[in-house]
Amino acid sequence: MKSLLGMLMLMLIVLAAGCGEADQQEPADSSGAESVEDAQVAEDAPVEVEVAPLYPEGTLDPSLVTADVPVAAGALFNAFYAWDEQTVVIQGYPFVHYGDSITIEDDIELVAVAGERDKLVKVTFPETLNLRIAADELVTVSGTVDYSWTGRIELVEGIVVTDAVVVPIDEVSPYAYDGTSAVEVQGFFDLFNIWIGMEVTVEGYYISTTTSSLSSGDVVRIDLQDSETRSKCAACEMTGDIPEDISAGMTENRDGVQIRGIIEGESFNIVGLVECELVNR
């Protein structure tokens, strides 16, 4: 009897020990395999790089501006002079008066195609370089944009660059440019002057009307300020005299005057428009 009871007790102990080991065993962990797969998927997935807009909010995109929608005088001024004092890198061919080469001393003028006569950019150097360049040799220069009353593109504090990477001009704007990548001279010239010849309607605070008597006839000019800063931004040469009642109306209600015209270029350090007509007075 004692022997049978002992055997039963031994069996119970063995079964209890077996159940304990079974309870302690954890199910197979498949998380490791899933993590590897997830990591592989993450590696293979394309990485999205956020590209800065060419024309951020608050700036004028010239491709979207039309004469049907007025633009603020201050915004137009900022857009027209957006390149001022920026450092740019430009690549082109040297303008050569005659011969097959030129010695760069204090300045260089660039053309789009070797041998062309249409000078697009002038670069001045702080020191004499005495660097000889062939007429058909591409040259890359860096400098700071200095707006000129002549309307030409001029860079000051120029240096010759040897290792700049050329980027497409359609990836460049005054607001999206790193100042170190090179752009071709023709593309930069076109982008720099993109506002010239564009018809716009500019809206601003009326300052004054000035009539100048020239040998070719009288020139009537209306100046507009930025409505908030009161800084002078646009000069509009009118197509004719301003009637006295309209002139009086502008004087009484100076803000929000709209004038449609064609951007001609710089006019006494502000945006100059010609062939102008009043829109809302």
Protein backbone atom coordinates (compact mmCIF):
# COMPACT_ATOMS: atom_id res chain seq x y z
CA MET A 1 0.00 0.00 0.00
CA LYS A 2 2.77 2.37 0.97
CA SER A 3 4.57 1.44 -2.24
CA LEU A 4 1.53 2.18 -4.40
CA LEU A 5 0.96 5.48 -2.59
CA GLY A 6 4.59 6.41 -3.11
CA MET A 7 4.41 5.72 -6.81
CA LEU A 8 1.31 7.88 -7.12
CA MET A 9 3.03 10.72 -5.27
CA LEU A 10 6.04 10.45 -7.56
CA MET A 11 3.87 10.63 -10.68
CA LEU A 12 2.10 13.75 -9.37
CA ILE A 13 5.45 15.44 -8.71
CA VAL A 14 6.68 14.65 -12.24
CA LEU A 15 3.43 15.93 -13.82
CA ALA A 16 3.59 19.12 -11.75
CA ALA A 17 7.15 19.75 -12.79
CA GLY A 18 6.26 19.22 -16.45
CA CYS A 19 3.35 21.67 -16.28
CA GLY A 20 5.59 24.28 -14.69
CA GLU A 21 8.11 24.03 -17.50
CA ALA A 22 5.32 24.26 -20.06
CA ASP A 23 3.89 27.36 -18.36
CA GLN A 24 7.30 29.05 -18.40
CA GLN A 25 7.89 28.48 -22.10
CA GLU A 26 6.90 31.50 -24.16
CA PRO A 27 5.47 31.23 -27.67
CA ALA A 28 7.88 31.65 -30.58
CA ASP A 29 8.62 35.35 -31.10
CA SER A 30 8.13 36.31 -34.73
CA SER A 31 8.66 40.04 -34.05
CA GLY A 32 12.30 39.77 -35.03
CA ALA A 33 11.47 38.56 -38.53
CA GLU A 34 8.83 41.26 -38.92
CA SER A 35 11.28 43.97 -37.82
CA VAL A 36 13.78 42.86 -40.43
CA GLU A 37 11.10 42.92 -43.10
CA ASP A 38 9.89 46.33 -41.96
CA ALA A 39 13.45 47.65 -42.01
CA GLN A 40 13.92 46.30 -45.54
CA VAL A 41 10.74 48.00 -46.69
CA ALA A 42 11.88 51.26 -45.07
CA GLU A 43 15.22 51.04 -46.88
CA ASP A 44 13.56 50.39 -50.23
CA ALA A 45 10.94 53.14 -49.85
CA PRO A 46 11.76 56.40 -51.68
CA VAL A 47 12.79 59.28 -49.46
CA GLU A 48 10.68 62.39 -49.97
CA VAL A 49 12.78 65.54 -50.01
CA GLU A 50 10.90 68.77 -49.39
CA VAL A 51 11.71 71.24 -52.14
CA ALA A 52 11.45 74.92 -51.33
CA PRO A 53 8.99 76.74 -53.62
CA LEU A 54 10.52 79.03 -56.22
CA TYR A 55 8.14 81.80 -55.15
CA PRO A 56 7.17 81.49 -51.47
CA GLU A 57 3.97 82.89 -50.06
CA GLY A 58 4.09 86.67 -49.98
CA THR A 59 6.18 87.00 -53.15
CA LEU A 60 5.08 87.58 -56.74
CA ASP A 61 5.39 84.71 -59.21
CA PRO A 62 5.78 86.42 -62.61
CA SER A 63 4.15 83.49 -64.39
CA LEU A 64 0.92 84.12 -62.44
CA VAL A 65 0.75 87.91 -62.72
CA THR A 66 -1.71 89.38 -65.23
CA ALA A 67 -2.95 92.89 -65.88
CA ASP A 68 -6.45 91.83 -64.81
CA VAL A 69 -5.48 91.36 -61.15
CA PRO A 70 -3.92 94.37 -59.36
CA VAL A 71 -0.63 93.88 -57.52
CA ALA A 72 0.47 96.02 -54.60
CA ALA A 73 3.08 98.66 -55.42
CA GLY A 74 5.30 97.40 -52.61
CA ALA A 75 5.10 93.79 -53.82
CA LEU A 76 5.96 94.83 -57.37
CA PHE A 77 8.94 96.86 -56.15
CA ASN A 78 10.24 93.94 -54.08
CA ALA A 79 9.86 91.52 -56.98
CA PHE A 80 11.55 93.83 -59.48
CA TYR A 81 14.56 94.42 -57.22
CA ALA A 82 14.62 90.91 -55.72
CA TRP A 83 18.15 90.17 -57.01
CA ASP A 84 19.68 93.35 -55.61
CA GLU A 85 22.79 92.69 -53.47
CA GLN A 86 22.53 88.93 -53.92
CA THR A 87 25.65 86.91 -54.71
CA VAL A 88 25.26 84.99 -57.96
CA VAL A 89 27.49 82.69 -60.01
CA ILE A 90 27.22 83.05 -63.79
CA GLN A 91 28.81 81.11 -66.61
CA GLY A 92 29.33 82.48 -70.12
CA TYR A 93 31.88 83.41 -72.76
CA PRO A 94 34.07 86.51 -72.61
CA PHE A 95 33.20 89.39 -74.90
CA VAL A 96 36.20 89.95 -77.17
CA HIS A 97 36.48 93.14 -79.20
CA TYR A 98 38.82 91.50 -81.69
CA GLY A 99 41.16 88.54 -81.83
CA ASP A 100 40.75 85.08 -80.37
CA SER A 101 41.39 85.85 -76.69
CA ILE A 102 41.16 88.51 -74.01
CA THR A 103 43.16 89.43 -70.91
CA ILE A 104 40.91 89.98 -67.89
CA GLU A 105 42.13 92.92 -65.89
CA ASP A 106 39.60 94.88 -63.83
CA ASP A 107 36.38 93.65 -65.46
CA ILE A 108 34.85 91.23 -67.93
CA GLU A 109 31.67 91.25 -70.01
CA LEU A 110 29.90 87.99 -70.75
CA VAL A 111 28.02 86.82 -73.84
CA ALA A 112 25.86 83.74 -74.30
CA VAL A 113 27.70 82.34 -77.34
CA ALA A 114 31.37 82.71 -78.20
CA GLY A 115 31.88 85.55 -80.67
CA GLU A 116 28.51 87.24 -80.05
CA ARG A 117 28.37 91.02 -79.60
CA ASP A 118 25.35 91.15 -77.28
CA LYS A 119 26.89 91.79 -73.84
CA LEU A 120 24.59 90.48 -71.12
CA VAL A 121 26.52 90.89 -67.86
CA LYS A 122 29.43 93.02 -66.71
CA VAL A 123 31.59 91.88 -63.79
CA THR A 124 34.12 94.12 -62.04
CA PHE A 125 36.96 92.76 -59.91
CA PRO A 126 38.44 94.40 -56.82
CA GLU A 127 41.98 93.64 -58.04
CA THR A 128 43.64 93.39 -61.43
CA LEU A 129 43.75 89.74 -62.53
CA ASN A 130 45.83 89.76 -65.73
CA LEU A 131 44.17 86.46 -66.66
CA ARG A 132 44.14 85.48 -70.33
CA ILE A 133 41.10 83.59 -71.64
CA ALA A 134 40.31 82.33 -75.13
CA ALA A 135 37.21 83.72 -76.85
CA ASP A 136 35.68 80.23 -77.03
CA GLU A 137 36.48 79.33 -73.41
CA LEU A 138 33.67 79.23 -70.88
CA VAL A 139 34.36 81.34 -67.82
CA THR A 140 32.49 81.20 -64.51
CA VAL A 141 32.39 84.25 -62.25
CA SER A 142 30.81 85.12 -58.93
CA GLY A 143 29.78 88.58 -57.83
CA THR A 144 27.19 90.72 -56.06
CA VAL A 145 24.31 92.16 -58.07
CA ASP A 146 24.40 95.95 -58.23
CA TYR A 147 21.35 97.48 -59.92
CA SER A 148 22.31 100.15 -62.40
CA TRP A 149 20.25 103.00 -63.79
CA THR A 150 21.44 101.88 -67.23
CA GLY A 151 19.41 98.69 -66.90
CA ARG A 152 22.47 96.49 -67.46
CA ILE A 153 23.26 93.58 -65.16
CA GLU A 154 26.37 94.46 -63.19
CA LEU A 155 28.20 92.35 -60.62
CA VAL A 156 30.72 93.89 -58.23
CA GLU A 157 33.38 92.28 -56.03
CA GLY A 158 33.80 89.63 -58.71
CA ILE A 159 35.95 86.53 -58.54
CA VAL A 160 36.67 83.77 -61.05
CA VAL A 161 35.21 80.41 -59.99
CA THR A 162 36.57 77.05 -61.10
CA ASP A 163 34.44 74.37 -59.43
CA ALA A 164 30.81 75.54 -59.50
CA VAL A 165 28.09 73.10 -60.59
CA VAL A 166 25.74 74.42 -63.28
CA VAL A 167 22.02 74.13 -62.45
CA PRO A 168 19.04 74.60 -64.81
CA ILE A 169 17.63 78.10 -64.71
CA ASP A 170 14.10 76.75 -64.26
CA GLU A 171 15.17 75.59 -60.79
CA VAL A 172 16.26 79.10 -59.81
CA SER A 173 14.48 82.20 -58.53
CA PRO A 174 15.57 85.18 -56.41
CA TYR A 175 14.06 83.32 -53.45
CA ALA A 176 15.34 79.81 -54.23
CA TYR A 177 19.02 80.05 -55.06
CA ASP A 178 22.01 78.95 -53.00
CA GLY A 179 24.44 81.63 -54.21
CA THR A 180 27.07 79.03 -55.14
CA SER A 181 25.60 77.06 -58.05
CA ALA A 182 26.32 78.46 -61.51
CA VAL A 183 23.64 79.46 -64.00
CA GLU A 184 24.13 80.13 -67.69
CA VAL A 185 24.35 83.80 -68.55
CA GLN A 186 21.45 83.84 -71.03
CA GLY A 187 19.10 82.13 -68.59
CA PHE A 188 20.05 84.50 -65.79
CA PHE A 189 19.65 87.52 -68.07
CA ASP A 190 16.14 86.41 -69.03
CA LEU A 191 15.15 85.70 -65.43
CA PHE A 192 16.67 88.95 -64.17
CA ASN A 193 14.67 90.96 -66.73
CA ILE A 194 11.51 88.87 -66.61
CA TRP A 195 9.37 91.85 -65.54
CA ILE A 196 10.50 94.10 -68.39
CA GLY A 197 7.76 94.50 -70.98
CA MET A 198 5.09 92.93 -68.78
CA GLU A 199 1.72 94.67 -68.53
CA VAL A 200 0.49 94.95 -64.95
CA THR A 201 -2.01 96.84 -62.87
CA VAL A 202 -0.27 98.34 -59.87
CA GLU A 203 -2.16 99.54 -56.80
CA GLY A 204 -0.78 101.97 -54.26
CA TYR A 205 -1.02 105.21 -52.36
CA TYR A 206 -1.10 108.27 -54.63
CA ILE A 207 1.78 110.68 -53.98
CA SER A 208 1.74 113.26 -56.74
CA THR A 209 1.40 114.05 -60.41
CA THR A 210 4.34 115.64 -62.21
CA THR A 211 4.31 117.15 -65.69
CA SER A 212 7.62 117.53 -67.52
CA SER A 213 7.94 119.50 -70.74
CA LEU A 214 10.25 117.82 -73.25
CA SER A 215 11.07 118.55 -76.87
CA SER A 216 8.96 115.51 -77.76
CA GLY A 217 6.03 116.77 -75.70
CA ASP A 218 4.75 116.80 -72.15
CA VAL A 219 5.25 113.74 -69.95
CA VAL A 220 2.71 113.23 -67.16
CA ARG A 221 3.92 110.99 -64.35
CA ILE A 222 2.07 109.62 -61.32
CA ASP A 223 4.06 108.25 -58.40
CA LEU A 224 2.66 105.57 -56.09
CA GLN A 225 3.80 104.55 -52.63
CA ASP A 226 3.43 101.34 -50.72
CA SER A 227 0.15 101.70 -48.80
CA GLU A 228 1.69 100.53 -45.52
CA THR A 229 5.32 101.69 -45.50
CA ARG A 230 4.74 104.87 -47.52
CA SER A 231 7.94 104.18 -49.46
CA LYS A 232 7.93 105.26 -53.09
CA CYS A 233 7.64 102.19 -55.33
CA ALA A 234 6.29 102.94 -58.82
CA ALA A 235 6.44 105.75 -61.37
CA CYS A 236 3.77 105.66 -64.07
CA GLU A 237 4.07 107.73 -67.25
CA MET A 238 0.54 108.42 -68.41
CA THR A 239 -0.72 108.36 -71.97
CA GLY A 240 -2.25 111.84 -71.60
CA ASP A 241 -3.12 114.65 -69.25
CA ILE A 242 -5.13 113.89 -66.12
CA PRO A 243 -8.50 115.70 -66.02
CA GLU A 244 -8.85 118.11 -63.10
CA ASP A 245 -11.82 116.27 -61.55
CA ILE A 246 -9.95 112.95 -61.59
CA SER A 247 -6.83 114.57 -60.18
CA ALA A 248 -8.91 116.10 -57.39
CA GLY A 249 -10.49 112.71 -56.72
CA MET A 250 -7.10 111.07 -56.30
CA THR A 251 -6.03 113.82 -53.91
CA GLU A 252 -9.15 113.33 -51.80
CA ASN A 253 -8.90 109.54 -51.83
CA ARG A 254 -5.20 108.66 -52.17
CA ASP A 255 -5.19 105.04 -51.09
CA GLY A 256 -5.93 102.17 -53.47
CA VAL A 257 -5.22 104.00 -56.74
CA GLN A 258 -4.87 101.47 -59.57
CA ILE A 259 -2.85 102.20 -62.71
CA ARG A 260 -2.32 99.84 -65.64
CA GLY A 261 0.89 100.09 -67.63
CA ILE A 262 3.90 98.30 -69.10
CA ILE A 263 7.02 97.86 -67.00
CA GLU A 264 9.88 99.58 -68.79
CA GLY A 265 12.60 99.25 -66.17
CA GLU A 266 14.23 101.23 -63.40
CA SER A 267 13.12 104.85 -62.97
CA PHE A 268 15.00 106.86 -60.34
CA ASN A 269 15.44 103.73 -58.18
CA ILE A 270 11.81 102.62 -58.41
CA VAL A 271 9.79 100.60 -60.93
CA GLY A 272 9.04 102.58 -64.07
CA LEU A 273 5.89 101.94 -66.10
CA VAL A 274 4.91 103.52 -69.42
CA GLU A 275 1.72 103.79 -71.51
CA CYS A 276 -0.20 104.05 -68.25
CA GLU A 277 -3.90 104.56 -67.68
CA LEU A 278 -5.94 105.01 -64.51
CA VAL A 279 -8.18 102.06 -63.74
CA ASN A 280 -10.34 103.04 -60.76
CA ARG A 281 -10.33 106.85 -60.65
